[in-house]
Amino acid sequence: MACPAFGGGWHISLLQAGVVVRDCFTVVGLDAADRGLQERGYLSLASAMGRDWDRLTRRRGDQRGGTPVFLDPGEDA
């Protein structure tokens, strides 16, 4: 989940079952968030699990309270 961080930037949280925080980090921009997910190995893991990655850089104008990053093919988006 990607949420705008207080004071600027983005707070990225990787949730398990929608409630357990597995990892989190804060970055200045969405490019850095995408790189952080790749560097941490989450893109490879998501691919192995059959999940699509929705690049955060495509959502530059999205200021909602949270943005899903990995899409589960078994769930409605």
C-alpha atoms as a PDB file:
ATOM      1  CA  MET A   1       0.000   0.000   0.000  1.00  0.00           C
ATOM      2  CA  ALA A   2       1.346   3.434  -0.882  1.00  0.00           C
ATOM      3  CA  CYS A   3       0.155   6.444   1.081  1.00  0.00           C
ATOM      4  CA  PRO A   4       1.229  10.081   0.863  1.00  0.00           C
ATOM      5  CA  ALA A   5       3.582  10.799   3.782  1.00  0.00           C
ATOM      6  CA  PHE A   6       3.088  13.754   6.088  1.00  0.00           C
ATOM      7  CA  GLY A   7       5.433  16.511   4.966  1.00  0.00           C
ATOM      8  CA  GLY A   8       5.913  15.021   1.483  1.00  0.00           C
ATOM      9  CA  GLY A   9       7.049  11.788  -0.060  1.00  0.00           C
ATOM     10  CA  TRP A  10       5.406   8.388   0.180  1.00  0.00           C
ATOM     11  CA  HIS A  11       5.077   5.779   2.896  1.00  0.00           C
ATOM     12  CA  ILE A  12       5.143   2.253   1.454  1.00  0.00           C
ATOM     13  CA  SER A  13       3.744  -0.626   3.543  1.00  0.00           C
ATOM     14  CA  LEU A  14       3.773  -4.264   2.466  1.00  0.00           C
ATOM     15  CA  LEU A  15       0.771  -5.940   4.064  1.00  0.00           C
ATOM     16  CA  GLN A  16       0.077  -9.627   4.534  1.00  0.00           C
ATOM     17  CA  ALA A  17      -3.596 -10.602   4.469  1.00  0.00           C
ATOM     18  CA  GLY A  18      -4.386  -6.881   4.408  1.00  0.00           C
ATOM     19  CA  VAL A  19      -3.584  -6.342   8.093  1.00  0.00           C
ATOM     20  CA  VAL A  20      -0.077  -7.516   9.070  1.00  0.00           C
ATOM     21  CA  VAL A  21       2.735  -5.108   8.136  1.00  0.00           C
ATOM     22  CA  ARG A  22       5.582  -7.208   6.706  1.00  0.00           C
ATOM     23  CA  ASP A  23       7.818  -4.292   5.729  1.00  0.00           C
ATOM     24  CA  CYS A  24       7.587  -0.529   5.358  1.00  0.00           C
ATOM     25  CA  PHE A  25       9.732   2.330   4.146  1.00  0.00           C
ATOM     26  CA  THR A  26       9.375   6.004   3.278  1.00  0.00           C
ATOM     27  CA  VAL A  27      10.728   7.577   0.109  1.00  0.00           C
ATOM     28  CA  VAL A  28      10.843  11.040  -1.429  1.00  0.00           C
ATOM     29  CA  GLY A  29       9.216  10.169  -4.755  1.00  0.00           C
ATOM     30  CA  LEU A  30       7.368   7.454  -6.590  1.00  0.00           C
ATOM     31  CA  ASP A  31      10.411   6.587  -8.721  1.00  0.00           C
ATOM     32  CA  ALA A  32      12.286   5.848  -5.497  1.00  0.00           C
ATOM     33  CA  ALA A  33       9.353   3.763  -4.253  1.00  0.00           C
ATOM     34  CA  ASP A  34       9.384   1.634  -7.398  1.00  0.00           C
ATOM     35  CA  ARG A  35      13.174   1.191  -7.066  1.00  0.00           C
ATOM     36  CA  GLY A  36      12.823   0.322  -3.368  1.00  0.00           C
ATOM     37  CA  LEU A  37      10.309  -2.416  -4.133  1.00  0.00           C
ATOM     38  CA  GLN A  38      12.610  -3.813  -6.802  1.00  0.00           C
ATOM     39  CA  GLU A  39      15.744  -3.639  -4.614  1.00  0.00           C
ATOM     40  CA  ARG A  40      13.966  -5.434  -1.765  1.00  0.00           C
ATOM     41  CA  GLY A  41      13.018  -8.309  -4.090  1.00  0.00           C
ATOM     42  CA  TYR A  42       9.265  -7.747  -3.906  1.00  0.00           C
ATOM     43  CA  LEU A  43       8.822  -7.538  -7.672  1.00  0.00           C
ATOM     44  CA  SER A  44      10.378 -10.972  -8.190  1.00  0.00           C
ATOM     45  CA  LEU A  45       8.298 -12.390  -5.356  1.00  0.00           C
ATOM     46  CA  ALA A  46       5.083 -10.899  -6.726  1.00  0.00           C
ATOM     47  CA  SER A  47       5.838 -12.264 -10.186  1.00  0.00           C
ATOM     48  CA  ALA A  48       6.468 -15.735  -8.762  1.00  0.00           C
ATOM     49  CA  MET A  49       3.107 -15.539  -6.991  1.00  0.00           C
ATOM     50  CA  GLY A  50       1.316 -14.570 -10.214  1.00  0.00           C
ATOM     51  CA  ARG A  51       0.534 -11.035  -9.106  1.00  0.00           C
ATOM     52  CA  ASP A  52       0.689  -8.006 -11.334  1.00  0.00           C
ATOM     53  CA  TRP A  53       2.717  -4.977 -10.320  1.00  0.00           C
ATOM     54  CA  ASP A  54       1.037  -1.610 -10.732  1.00  0.00           C
ATOM     55  CA  ARG A  55       3.913   0.887 -10.996  1.00  0.00           C
ATOM     56  CA  LEU A  56       3.491   3.750  -8.574  1.00  0.00           C
ATOM     57  CA  THR A  57       4.997   6.190 -11.059  1.00  0.00           C
ATOM     58  CA  ARG A  58       1.803   5.841 -13.109  1.00  0.00           C
ATOM     59  CA  ARG A  59      -0.156   7.229 -10.163  1.00  0.00           C
ATOM     60  CA  ARG A  60       1.643  10.537  -9.669  1.00  0.00           C
ATOM     61  CA  GLY A  61      -1.605  12.479  -9.377  1.00  0.00           C
ATOM     62  CA  ASP A  62      -3.283   9.980  -7.051  1.00  0.00           C
ATOM     63  CA  GLN A  63      -3.496  11.410  -3.536  1.00  0.00           C
ATOM     64  CA  ARG A  64      -5.967   8.935  -2.040  1.00  0.00           C
ATOM     65  CA  GLY A  65      -5.418   7.422   1.379  1.00  0.00           C
ATOM     66  CA  GLY A  66      -3.805   4.296  -0.029  1.00  0.00           C
ATOM     67  CA  THR A  67      -2.908   2.742  -3.351  1.00  0.00           C
ATOM     68  CA  PRO A  68      -2.536  -1.001  -3.905  1.00  0.00           C
ATOM     69  CA  VAL A  69       0.824  -1.891  -5.442  1.00  0.00           C
ATOM     70  CA  PHE A  70       0.488  -5.609  -6.195  1.00  0.00           C
ATOM     71  CA  LEU A  71      -2.770  -6.859  -7.661  1.00  0.00           C
ATOM     72  CA  ASP A  72      -4.006 -10.303  -6.617  1.00  0.00           C
ATOM     73  CA  PRO A  73      -5.525 -12.055  -9.637  1.00  0.00           C
ATOM     74  CA  GLY A  74      -8.022 -13.777  -7.316  1.00  0.00           C
ATOM     75  CA  GLU A  75      -9.440 -10.529  -5.927  1.00  0.00           C
ATOM     76  CA  ASP A  76     -11.460  -7.743  -7.511  1.00  0.00           C
ATOM     77  CA  ALA A  77      -9.435  -4.548  -7.951  1.00  0.00           C
END
